[in-house]
Amino acid sequence: MSMLNLEYTYLNLPASFYSYTKPLRFQSPQLLIENEALLANLNIPQAYLNALISVDTDVKSVELSRAFSQAYAGHQFGHFTMLGDGRALVIGEIIKDTERYDLQLKGSGPSAYARRGDGKATAKAMLREYLISEAMHGLKIPTSRSIGVVATGETMMRERQEPAAVLGRIMKSHLRVGTFEYARYFLTTKDLEALLHYAVDRLYPRCRAAENMAIEFIVSVATNQFKLIAEWMRVGFIHGVMNTDNTALSGETFDYGPCAFMNQYHPKTVFSSIDTQGRYAFEQQGNIIQWNLVRLTEALLPLIEPDESRAIARAKTLIQSFDQEWAEIYNLSMAKKIGFNVADSTSKLLIAELLALMQLHEVDYTNTFAGLSHALPDSINPWNIPALRTWRKSWNETAEAQGYTMENRLQCMAAVNPVVIPRNHIVESLLSETGQWEANPEKKQRFQEALNIWSKPYFFDSNLIFWMTPPTQEDNIGHQTLCGT
């Protein structure tokens, strides 16, 4: 199998930022699923992922000789700790149409940062990431992309014995807020400066011309993060574990562990089994991203100003701007969900009233907004509720008075209100069947059908009613997602 033309700019950083790591090799790895379109787009041969972890492979050893795991730290549920890629490694960097992507393996064995872990991952968790990351791509939300999942042929003990697998994914960068925390609190100021220059060159080169590169970098990261979290809120997505080590500086969603999509609307919705205090609940995501950005700002204090008191003063001014910028981005995103292309006091009031009604009547988040544009059947149509019909009448009158025709609104809403999302009960059903693929290929076909449906989430068709139907209240409340480690 031919080698890829990989690059390794990350290895230009001081050696403290990484550790060379090779994936475990297995006797009989079995390809579970492969993203053929993405592989073709990136000029990666099919079965390349399988070859990387097979003992019987013709991938040249040099292909793996510079693979590395990244060191980083992070605040996990508010508590700071040293971390690192315990079960992931970057094979190298791919260039496609001037864009640079990390090619990473996840679940490929322990690294120097494994912290006594085995470095492996369950097939169920890796297939979940494949499924949700590709659905997020379909929703037009910045995300890591999955190139495939390979079963290793081993079983592993988690809550019970489960088959193990390796995920292949790409991402613009795996640099995270926690990378800067690591440099700030474990390395030298010179190392921190090297990291900033690398991150700027790779992700935000325009910051080089700024009067203060560190501040301009924080501003750029913040804007991208605010846009990303607003996109999550737009579709009812709950990441579930917004630790600083899971906050990508590139503004991409990644590490799909205890993630889920909201069904019946409630702002305090939590599905993660480990988020017992609701720290990362749906309504908290805007606050948490600001908290994470404060941690990034703290880490960069020595590079904002040499004088600590002046650096703190400038940092405070910057931090105080976060809340307003987040509110503006979030409010515009929600305004578009009701067909307004400007967020003003009118749109904010309409949204607030609608969300309050949705919570009171426990209606489905996705179907409520989809129902503004499409004639949904009674079985899934929240707009049969009298209070919502009253709101809709007010919405129509207000919109018309402000010059928003129904045609204008429909065009605006069509781009932001999905018809289908990965319903949690369907996701769990698909993942519960993954162990049966070899004996029953129809199970895999159903998984692929879901991927196809979720790749076109803004297209409405009456045949999609099964995919649009939310779970019962009981099933929804009882649903929990696990970390996936």
Protein backbone atom coordinates (compact mmCIF):
# COMPACT_ATOMS: atom_id res chain seq x y z
CA MET A 1 0.00 0.00 0.00
CA SER A 2 1.38 3.39 -0.97
CA MET A 3 2.41 5.89 1.67
CA LEU A 4 0.77 9.25 2.16
CA ASN A 5 2.59 12.52 1.71
CA LEU A 6 2.40 13.46 5.39
CA GLU A 7 3.85 16.51 7.11
CA TYR A 8 4.75 17.05 10.77
CA THR A 9 4.76 20.75 11.60
CA TYR A 10 3.68 20.02 15.18
CA LEU A 11 7.02 18.32 15.78
CA ASN A 12 8.73 21.70 15.31
CA LEU A 13 7.47 22.55 18.80
CA PRO A 14 9.73 21.77 21.78
CA ALA A 15 9.81 18.04 22.56
CA SER A 16 7.88 18.59 25.80
CA PHE A 17 4.69 18.98 23.75
CA TYR A 18 4.60 15.42 22.42
CA SER A 19 5.74 11.86 22.78
CA TYR A 20 6.45 9.51 19.88
CA THR A 21 3.87 6.72 19.92
CA LYS A 22 3.21 3.72 17.71
CA PRO A 23 -0.19 2.06 17.42
CA LEU A 24 -0.67 -1.48 18.61
CA ARG A 25 -0.73 -4.00 15.79
CA PHE A 26 -3.30 -6.78 15.62
CA GLN A 27 -3.49 -10.18 13.98
CA SER A 28 -6.96 -9.92 12.50
CA PRO A 29 -8.36 -6.37 12.42
CA GLN A 30 -11.70 -6.14 10.68
CA LEU A 31 -12.96 -3.03 8.94
CA LEU A 32 -16.38 -2.17 10.38
CA ILE A 33 -17.13 0.95 8.38
CA GLU A 34 -15.22 3.27 6.09
CA ASN A 35 -15.99 6.80 4.90
CA GLU A 36 -15.30 6.18 1.24
CA ALA A 37 -16.24 9.68 0.04
CA LEU A 38 -14.00 11.39 2.60
CA LEU A 39 -11.11 9.02 1.92
CA ALA A 40 -11.36 9.71 -1.79
CA ASN A 41 -11.48 13.45 -1.17
CA LEU A 42 -8.30 13.26 0.92
CA ASN A 43 -6.58 10.82 -1.46
CA ILE A 44 -6.28 8.22 1.29
CA PRO A 45 -6.42 4.63 -0.02
CA GLN A 46 -9.31 2.48 1.12
CA ALA A 47 -8.33 -0.01 3.85
CA TYR A 48 -5.45 2.32 4.85
CA LEU A 49 -6.78 2.51 8.40
CA ASN A 50 -6.97 -1.27 8.62
CA ALA A 51 -3.40 -1.54 7.32
CA LEU A 52 -2.04 0.83 9.97
CA ILE A 53 -2.94 -1.52 12.82
CA SER A 54 -2.43 -4.89 11.14
CA VAL A 55 0.67 -6.99 11.80
CA ASP A 56 0.32 -8.23 8.23
CA THR A 57 0.65 -4.95 6.38
CA ASP A 58 2.62 -3.39 3.57
CA VAL A 59 2.49 0.11 5.05
CA LYS A 60 6.16 1.10 5.33
CA SER A 61 7.44 1.42 8.88
CA VAL A 62 8.49 5.01 8.13
CA GLU A 63 4.78 5.87 7.88
CA LEU A 64 4.52 5.35 11.62
CA SER A 65 8.03 6.36 12.66
CA ARG A 66 7.01 9.95 13.43
CA ALA A 67 3.52 9.29 14.84
CA PHE A 68 3.05 11.13 18.10
CA SER A 69 0.68 11.78 20.99
CA GLN A 70 0.14 15.29 22.28
CA ALA A 71 0.75 16.47 25.83
CA TYR A 72 -1.76 18.83 27.41
CA ALA A 73 -3.46 19.66 30.68
CA GLY A 74 -7.00 20.75 31.40
CA HIS A 75 -9.79 21.59 33.75
CA GLN A 76 -12.09 18.58 33.99
CA PHE A 77 -15.38 19.52 35.66
CA GLY A 78 -13.56 22.54 37.06
CA HIS A 79 -10.55 20.65 38.47
CA PHE A 80 -7.11 21.18 36.94
CA THR A 81 -4.96 18.16 36.08
CA MET A 82 -2.16 17.01 33.80
CA LEU A 83 -3.45 15.01 30.84
CA GLY A 84 -2.39 14.09 27.31
CA ASP A 85 -3.44 11.77 24.49
CA GLY A 86 -3.64 8.59 26.51
CA ARG A 87 -5.20 6.53 23.72
CA ALA A 88 -4.74 8.63 20.61
CA LEU A 89 -1.90 9.46 18.25
CA VAL A 90 -1.42 11.65 15.20
CA ILE A 91 -0.12 9.71 12.21
CA GLY A 92 0.76 12.96 10.48
CA GLU A 93 -0.71 16.00 8.77
CA ILE A 94 -2.51 15.91 5.42
CA ILE A 95 -2.75 18.91 3.08
CA LYS A 96 -5.93 19.19 1.02
CA ASP A 97 -6.78 22.32 -0.98
CA THR A 98 -4.38 24.42 1.16
CA GLU A 99 -6.05 23.19 4.37
CA ARG A 100 -3.99 21.22 6.88
CA TYR A 101 -5.56 18.33 8.81
CA ASP A 102 -4.31 16.04 11.54
CA LEU A 103 -4.81 12.36 10.74
CA GLN A 104 -5.39 10.71 14.08
CA LEU A 105 -6.02 7.23 15.47
CA LYS A 106 -8.11 6.87 18.62
CA GLY A 107 -8.15 3.69 20.70
CA SER A 108 -4.90 2.46 19.16
CA GLY A 109 -3.15 1.67 22.44
CA PRO A 110 -1.45 3.47 25.33
CA SER A 111 0.90 6.41 25.02
CA ALA A 112 3.21 8.01 27.57
CA TYR A 113 0.13 9.88 28.84
CA ALA A 114 -2.12 6.86 29.36
CA ARG A 115 -2.17 7.27 33.15
CA ARG A 116 -2.34 3.50 33.77
CA GLY A 117 -5.08 3.10 31.14
CA ASP A 118 -4.96 0.48 28.41
CA GLY A 119 -5.24 3.05 25.62
CA LYS A 120 -8.06 1.15 23.95
CA ALA A 121 -11.65 1.99 23.09
CA THR A 122 -14.87 0.06 22.67
CA ALA A 123 -16.33 -0.48 19.23
CA LYS A 124 -19.60 1.02 20.46
CA ALA A 125 -17.93 4.27 21.56
CA MET A 126 -15.95 4.62 18.33
CA LEU A 127 -18.99 3.92 16.17
CA ARG A 128 -20.90 6.52 18.20
CA GLU A 129 -18.24 9.10 17.37
CA TYR A 130 -18.32 8.09 13.71
CA LEU A 131 -22.11 8.40 13.62
CA ILE A 132 -22.45 11.70 15.48
CA SER A 133 -19.45 13.46 13.94
CA GLU A 134 -20.73 12.73 10.44
CA ALA A 135 -24.23 13.84 11.44
CA MET A 136 -22.76 17.10 12.75
CA HIS A 137 -20.99 17.57 9.43
CA GLY A 138 -24.36 17.13 7.72
CA LEU A 139 -25.80 19.79 10.02
CA LYS A 140 -23.03 22.12 8.75
CA ILE A 141 -21.45 22.43 12.19
CA PRO A 142 -17.63 22.52 12.37
CA THR A 143 -16.45 19.11 13.54
CA SER A 144 -13.79 16.47 13.38
CA ARG A 145 -14.55 13.95 10.62
CA SER A 146 -14.41 10.18 10.87
CA ILE A 147 -12.66 8.18 8.16
CA GLY A 148 -13.44 4.73 9.51
CA VAL A 149 -13.67 2.27 12.40
CA VAL A 150 -11.73 -0.99 12.60
CA ALA A 151 -12.46 -3.77 15.09
CA THR A 152 -9.19 -5.06 16.54
CA GLY A 153 -10.41 -8.59 17.17
CA GLU A 154 -9.91 -8.16 20.91
CA THR A 155 -12.41 -7.78 23.72
CA MET A 156 -11.88 -5.43 26.65
CA MET A 157 -13.40 -4.99 30.08
CA ARG A 158 -15.34 -1.84 30.81
CA GLU A 159 -18.67 -2.32 32.56
CA ARG A 160 -18.60 -5.70 30.83
CA GLN A 161 -16.57 -7.41 28.15
CA GLU A 162 -16.88 -5.45 24.91
CA PRO A 163 -15.24 -5.64 21.49
CA ALA A 164 -12.43 -3.13 20.97
CA ALA A 165 -11.97 -0.88 17.94
CA VAL A 166 -9.87 1.95 16.55
CA LEU A 167 -11.31 5.13 15.05
CA GLY A 168 -9.57 7.13 12.35
CA ARG A 169 -10.43 10.82 12.22
CA ILE A 170 -9.23 14.10 10.77
CA MET A 171 -9.36 17.58 12.24
CA LYS A 172 -7.87 20.96 11.38
CA SER A 173 -5.94 20.82 14.64
CA HIS A 174 -6.00 19.01 17.96
CA LEU A 175 -4.60 22.06 19.73
CA ARG A 176 -6.87 22.86 22.66
CA VAL A 177 -7.23 25.29 25.54
CA GLY A 178 -5.58 22.62 27.67
CA THR A 179 -2.48 22.73 25.48
CA PHE A 180 -1.89 26.32 26.55
CA GLU A 181 -2.66 25.47 30.16
CA TYR A 182 0.00 22.76 29.98
CA ALA A 183 2.58 25.15 28.56
CA ARG A 184 1.75 27.85 31.10
CA TYR A 185 1.84 25.72 34.23
CA PHE A 186 4.30 22.95 33.41
CA LEU A 187 6.74 24.44 30.90
CA THR A 188 8.63 27.70 30.38
CA THR A 189 7.50 31.07 29.05
CA LYS A 190 9.69 30.38 26.03
CA ASP A 191 7.74 27.17 25.39
CA LEU A 192 4.46 29.05 25.82
CA GLU A 193 5.62 31.61 23.27
CA ALA A 194 6.61 28.87 20.82
CA LEU A 195 3.14 27.36 21.17
CA LEU A 196 1.45 30.70 20.53
CA HIS A 197 3.50 31.29 17.38
CA TYR A 198 2.69 27.79 16.14
CA ALA A 199 -1.04 28.13 16.86
CA VAL A 200 -1.18 31.53 15.17
CA ASP A 201 0.69 30.34 12.09
CA ARG A 202 -1.48 27.26 11.76
CA LEU A 203 -4.93 28.57 12.65
CA TYR A 204 -5.05 32.38 12.75
CA PRO A 205 -2.19 33.84 10.68
CA ARG A 206 -3.89 37.23 10.49
CA CYS A 207 -3.06 37.67 14.20
CA ARG A 208 0.61 38.11 13.30
CA ALA A 209 -0.04 41.69 12.20
CA ALA A 210 -1.86 42.63 15.41
CA GLU A 211 -0.55 45.14 17.94
CA ASN A 212 -0.82 42.41 20.58
CA MET A 213 -0.71 38.95 19.05
CA ALA A 214 -1.76 37.12 22.23
CA ILE A 215 -4.88 39.22 22.69
CA GLU A 216 -5.84 39.04 19.03
CA PHE A 217 -5.40 35.26 19.17
CA ILE A 218 -7.72 34.99 22.19
CA VAL A 219 -10.28 37.20 20.42
CA SER A 220 -10.14 34.97 17.32
CA VAL A 221 -10.51 31.77 19.31
CA ALA A 222 -13.37 33.26 21.32
CA THR A 223 -15.33 34.34 18.25
CA ASN A 224 -14.99 30.89 16.67
CA GLN A 225 -15.98 29.18 19.89
CA PHE A 226 -19.02 31.41 20.38
CA LYS A 227 -20.14 30.64 16.83
CA LEU A 228 -19.63 26.92 17.43
CA ILE A 229 -21.59 26.75 20.68
CA ALA A 230 -24.40 28.84 19.16
CA GLU A 231 -24.55 26.22 16.40
CA TRP A 232 -24.84 23.48 19.02
CA MET A 233 -27.69 25.35 20.69
CA ARG A 234 -29.36 25.91 17.34
CA VAL A 235 -29.80 22.15 16.82
CA GLY A 236 -30.26 21.13 20.45
CA PHE A 237 -26.86 19.45 20.79
CA ILE A 238 -25.37 18.84 24.22
CA HIS A 239 -21.67 18.01 24.22
CA GLY A 240 -21.77 16.69 27.76
CA VAL A 241 -18.12 17.15 28.68
CA MET A 242 -16.96 20.69 27.86
CA ASN A 243 -13.67 20.43 29.71
CA THR A 244 -10.87 22.76 28.61
CA ASP A 245 -9.04 19.80 27.07
CA ASN A 246 -12.10 19.24 24.86
CA THR A 247 -12.19 22.85 23.64
CA ALA A 248 -10.44 22.98 20.27
CA LEU A 249 -8.71 26.24 19.35
CA SER A 250 -9.81 25.70 15.75
CA GLY A 251 -13.49 26.01 16.71
CA GLU A 252 -14.33 22.40 15.81
CA THR A 253 -16.49 19.97 17.76
CA PHE A 254 -14.60 16.86 18.82
CA ASP A 255 -14.45 14.03 21.37
CA TYR A 256 -18.00 12.73 21.14
CA GLY A 257 -18.25 10.91 24.45
CA PRO A 258 -21.39 11.59 26.52
CA CYS A 259 -23.01 13.74 23.84
CA ALA A 260 -26.67 13.70 22.87
CA PHE A 261 -29.42 15.75 21.23
CA MET A 262 -32.27 17.30 23.15
CA ASN A 263 -35.77 16.02 22.41
CA GLN A 264 -38.48 17.54 24.65
CA TYR A 265 -37.28 21.06 25.38
CA HIS A 266 -35.88 21.83 28.78
CA PRO A 267 -32.89 24.18 29.25
CA LYS A 268 -31.44 22.10 32.08
CA THR A 269 -31.29 18.93 30.00
CA VAL A 270 -28.33 16.67 30.81
CA PHE A 271 -27.74 13.19 29.42
CA SER A 272 -24.19 12.54 30.60
CA SER A 273 -23.97 9.93 33.36
CA ILE A 274 -20.93 11.72 34.83
CA ASP A 275 -22.40 15.24 34.89
CA THR A 276 -24.30 14.79 38.14
CA GLN A 277 -24.37 18.52 38.94
CA GLY A 278 -25.53 19.75 35.53
CA ARG A 279 -22.33 21.69 34.91
CA TYR A 280 -22.57 21.03 31.17
CA ALA A 281 -26.37 21.17 30.80
CA PHE A 282 -27.82 22.56 27.58
CA GLU A 283 -28.40 26.06 28.97
CA GLN A 284 -24.94 26.19 30.57
CA GLN A 285 -22.92 25.73 27.38
CA GLY A 286 -22.63 29.46 26.66
CA ASN A 287 -21.43 30.16 30.20
CA ILE A 288 -18.98 27.27 30.19
CA ILE A 289 -17.31 28.30 26.96
CA GLN A 290 -16.69 31.72 28.50
CA TRP A 291 -15.24 30.03 31.60
CA ASN A 292 -12.93 27.99 29.36
CA LEU A 293 -11.84 31.10 27.48
CA VAL A 294 -10.95 32.76 30.77
CA ARG A 295 -8.65 29.80 31.43
CA LEU A 296 -7.04 30.37 28.01
CA THR A 297 -6.58 34.06 28.81
CA GLU A 298 -5.00 33.24 32.17
CA ALA A 299 -2.59 30.85 30.47
CA LEU A 300 -1.49 33.57 28.06
CA LEU A 301 -0.99 36.34 30.64
CA PRO A 302 2.84 36.34 30.37
CA LEU A 303 2.55 36.99 26.63
CA ILE A 304 -0.13 39.69 26.89
CA GLU A 305 2.21 42.01 28.81
CA PRO A 306 5.55 41.38 30.56
CA ASP A 307 4.28 43.36 33.55
CA GLU A 308 1.80 41.16 35.41
CA SER A 309 -0.45 43.94 36.70
CA ARG A 310 -0.80 45.46 33.25
CA ALA A 311 -1.40 42.01 31.73
CA ILE A 312 -4.18 41.34 34.23
CA ALA A 313 -5.78 44.71 33.52
CA ARG A 314 -5.83 44.07 29.77
CA ALA A 315 -7.07 40.53 30.33
CA LYS A 316 -9.96 41.76 32.48
CA THR A 317 -11.06 44.19 29.78
CA LEU A 318 -10.97 41.38 27.24
CA ILE A 319 -12.85 38.93 29.46
CA GLN A 320 -15.56 41.52 30.14
CA SER A 321 -16.30 41.59 26.40
CA PHE A 322 -17.02 37.88 26.20
CA ASP A 323 -20.56 37.96 27.54
CA GLN A 324 -21.78 40.60 25.11
CA GLU A 325 -20.19 38.92 22.09
CA TRP A 326 -21.65 35.54 23.07
CA ALA A 327 -25.11 37.10 23.52
CA GLU A 328 -24.97 38.79 20.11
CA ILE A 329 -23.91 35.61 18.30
CA TYR A 330 -26.40 33.39 20.15
CA ASN A 331 -29.32 35.80 19.72
CA LEU A 332 -28.70 36.11 15.98
CA SER A 333 -28.56 32.33 15.64
CA MET A 334 -31.89 31.97 17.43
CA ALA A 335 -33.46 34.87 15.53
CA LYS A 336 -32.78 33.02 12.29
CA LYS A 337 -34.67 30.02 13.66
CA ILE A 338 -37.86 32.10 13.48
CA GLY A 339 -36.94 33.66 10.13
CA PHE A 340 -35.48 36.99 11.32
CA ASN A 341 -32.09 37.94 9.91
CA VAL A 342 -31.47 40.53 12.63
CA ALA A 343 -31.45 39.98 16.38
CA ASP A 344 -33.30 42.85 18.08
CA SER A 345 -35.57 43.29 21.07
CA THR A 346 -38.53 41.98 19.06
CA SER A 347 -36.89 38.75 17.96
CA LYS A 348 -35.45 38.17 21.45
CA LEU A 349 -38.87 38.57 23.02
CA LEU A 350 -40.50 36.21 20.51
CA ILE A 351 -37.82 33.58 21.10
CA ALA A 352 -38.08 33.92 24.88
CA GLU A 353 -41.86 33.52 24.74
CA LEU A 354 -41.63 30.51 22.43
CA LEU A 355 -38.99 28.74 24.52
CA ALA A 356 -41.06 29.31 27.67
CA LEU A 357 -44.09 27.75 25.97
CA MET A 358 -42.01 24.85 24.68
CA GLN A 359 -40.73 24.15 28.19
CA LEU A 360 -44.18 24.47 29.74
CA HIS A 361 -45.79 22.09 27.26
CA GLU A 362 -42.74 19.79 27.03
CA VAL A 363 -42.71 19.82 23.24
CA ASP A 364 -39.95 18.61 20.96
CA TYR A 365 -37.26 21.19 20.21
CA THR A 366 -36.50 20.12 16.64
CA ASN A 367 -40.09 19.51 15.53
CA THR A 368 -41.32 22.80 16.97
CA PHE A 369 -38.99 24.81 14.76
CA ALA A 370 -39.37 22.46 11.79
CA GLY A 371 -43.13 22.90 12.12
CA LEU A 372 -42.82 26.60 11.36
CA SER A 373 -41.83 25.67 7.81
CA HIS A 374 -43.42 22.27 7.16
CA ALA A 375 -46.87 20.71 7.54
CA LEU A 376 -46.11 17.98 10.06
CA PRO A 377 -48.52 15.13 10.80
CA ASP A 378 -50.53 15.43 14.01
CA SER A 379 -48.51 12.68 15.70
CA ILE A 380 -45.40 14.91 15.85
CA ASN A 381 -46.84 18.41 15.37
CA PRO A 382 -46.51 20.66 18.47
CA TRP A 383 -48.41 23.46 16.76
CA ASN A 384 -51.78 21.88 17.58
CA ILE A 385 -51.38 23.23 21.12
CA PRO A 386 -53.57 26.38 21.48
CA ALA A 387 -50.92 28.43 23.30
CA LEU A 388 -48.40 27.77 20.53
CA ARG A 389 -50.97 28.68 17.88
CA THR A 390 -51.50 31.98 19.68
CA TRP A 391 -47.75 32.62 19.64
CA ARG A 392 -47.63 31.76 15.94
CA LYS A 393 -50.33 34.31 15.16
CA SER A 394 -48.36 36.98 17.05
CA TRP A 395 -45.17 35.91 15.25
CA ASN A 396 -46.83 36.29 11.84
CA GLU A 397 -48.26 39.71 12.65
CA THR A 398 -44.99 40.99 14.11
CA ALA A 399 -42.89 39.65 11.26
CA GLU A 400 -45.15 41.15 8.61
CA ALA A 401 -45.08 44.50 10.41
CA GLN A 402 -41.29 44.45 10.30
CA GLY A 403 -41.18 43.57 6.61
CA TYR A 404 -40.46 39.85 6.90
CA THR A 405 -42.67 38.11 4.37
CA MET A 406 -43.42 34.43 4.84
CA GLU A 407 -41.24 33.73 1.81
CA ASN A 408 -38.34 35.58 3.45
CA ARG A 409 -38.79 33.65 6.68
CA LEU A 410 -39.09 30.26 5.01
CA GLN A 411 -35.87 30.85 3.09
CA CYS A 412 -34.05 31.89 6.27
CA MET A 413 -35.40 29.01 8.39
CA ALA A 414 -34.67 26.39 5.73
CA ALA A 415 -30.94 26.83 6.32
CA VAL A 416 -30.97 26.62 10.11
CA ASN A 417 -33.86 24.41 11.26
CA PRO A 418 -33.10 20.72 10.69
CA VAL A 419 -35.91 18.30 10.06
CA VAL A 420 -34.00 15.28 11.35
CA ILE A 421 -31.35 14.92 14.05
CA PRO A 422 -29.70 11.81 15.50
CA ARG A 423 -32.51 10.89 17.88
CA ASN A 424 -30.97 9.34 20.97
CA HIS A 425 -33.18 6.26 21.00
CA ILE A 426 -32.34 5.56 17.35
CA VAL A 427 -28.62 6.06 18.00
CA GLU A 428 -28.73 3.61 20.91
CA SER A 429 -30.64 1.09 18.81
CA LEU A 430 -28.08 1.31 16.02
CA LEU A 431 -25.16 0.93 18.44
CA SER A 432 -26.75 -2.02 20.22
CA GLU A 433 -26.77 -3.89 16.91
CA THR A 434 -23.14 -3.34 15.92
CA GLY A 435 -22.01 -6.68 17.32
CA GLN A 436 -24.40 -8.44 14.94
CA TRP A 437 -23.12 -6.98 11.66
CA GLU A 438 -21.15 -10.03 10.57
CA ALA A 439 -24.02 -12.43 11.18
CA ASN A 440 -26.70 -10.02 9.95
CA PRO A 441 -25.56 -7.51 7.28
CA GLU A 442 -28.97 -5.81 7.40
CA LYS A 443 -27.95 -4.31 10.75
CA LYS A 444 -25.01 -2.56 9.11
CA GLN A 445 -27.25 -1.42 6.28
CA ARG A 446 -29.50 0.24 8.86
CA PHE A 447 -26.48 2.05 10.31
CA GLN A 448 -25.57 3.26 6.83
CA GLU A 449 -29.16 4.30 6.17
CA ALA A 450 -29.05 6.49 9.28
CA LEU A 451 -25.84 8.10 8.06
CA ASN A 452 -27.47 8.84 4.71
CA ILE A 453 -30.58 10.33 6.33
CA TRP A 454 -28.57 12.51 8.71
CA SER A 455 -26.33 13.73 5.90
CA LYS A 456 -29.32 15.70 4.51
CA PRO A 457 -30.96 17.01 7.69
CA TYR A 458 -32.65 20.06 6.17
CA PHE A 459 -34.63 18.10 3.57
CA PHE A 460 -38.25 17.35 4.50
CA ASP A 461 -40.13 14.37 3.18
CA SER A 462 -43.16 12.58 4.59
CA ASN A 463 -41.15 9.33 4.54
CA LEU A 464 -38.97 10.76 7.31
CA ILE A 465 -41.62 10.61 10.04
CA PHE A 466 -39.94 7.64 11.75
CA TRP A 467 -36.69 9.64 11.97
CA MET A 468 -38.53 12.73 13.22
CA THR A 469 -40.47 11.02 15.99
CA PRO A 470 -39.02 11.76 19.44
CA PRO A 471 -38.83 9.15 22.19
CA THR A 472 -41.46 9.00 24.89
CA GLN A 473 -41.02 11.24 27.92
CA GLU A 474 -40.07 8.21 30.00
CA ASP A 475 -37.41 7.04 27.53
CA ASN A 476 -36.09 10.57 27.14
CA ILE A 477 -35.72 11.23 30.86
CA GLY A 478 -34.11 7.85 31.44
CA HIS A 479 -31.56 8.21 28.64
CA GLN A 480 -27.92 8.43 29.72
CA THR A 481 -24.70 8.58 27.76
CA LEU A 482 -21.33 7.35 28.99
CA CYS A 483 -17.88 8.85 28.66
CA GLY A 484 -16.79 6.16 26.21
CA THR A 485 -13.33 5.57 27.64
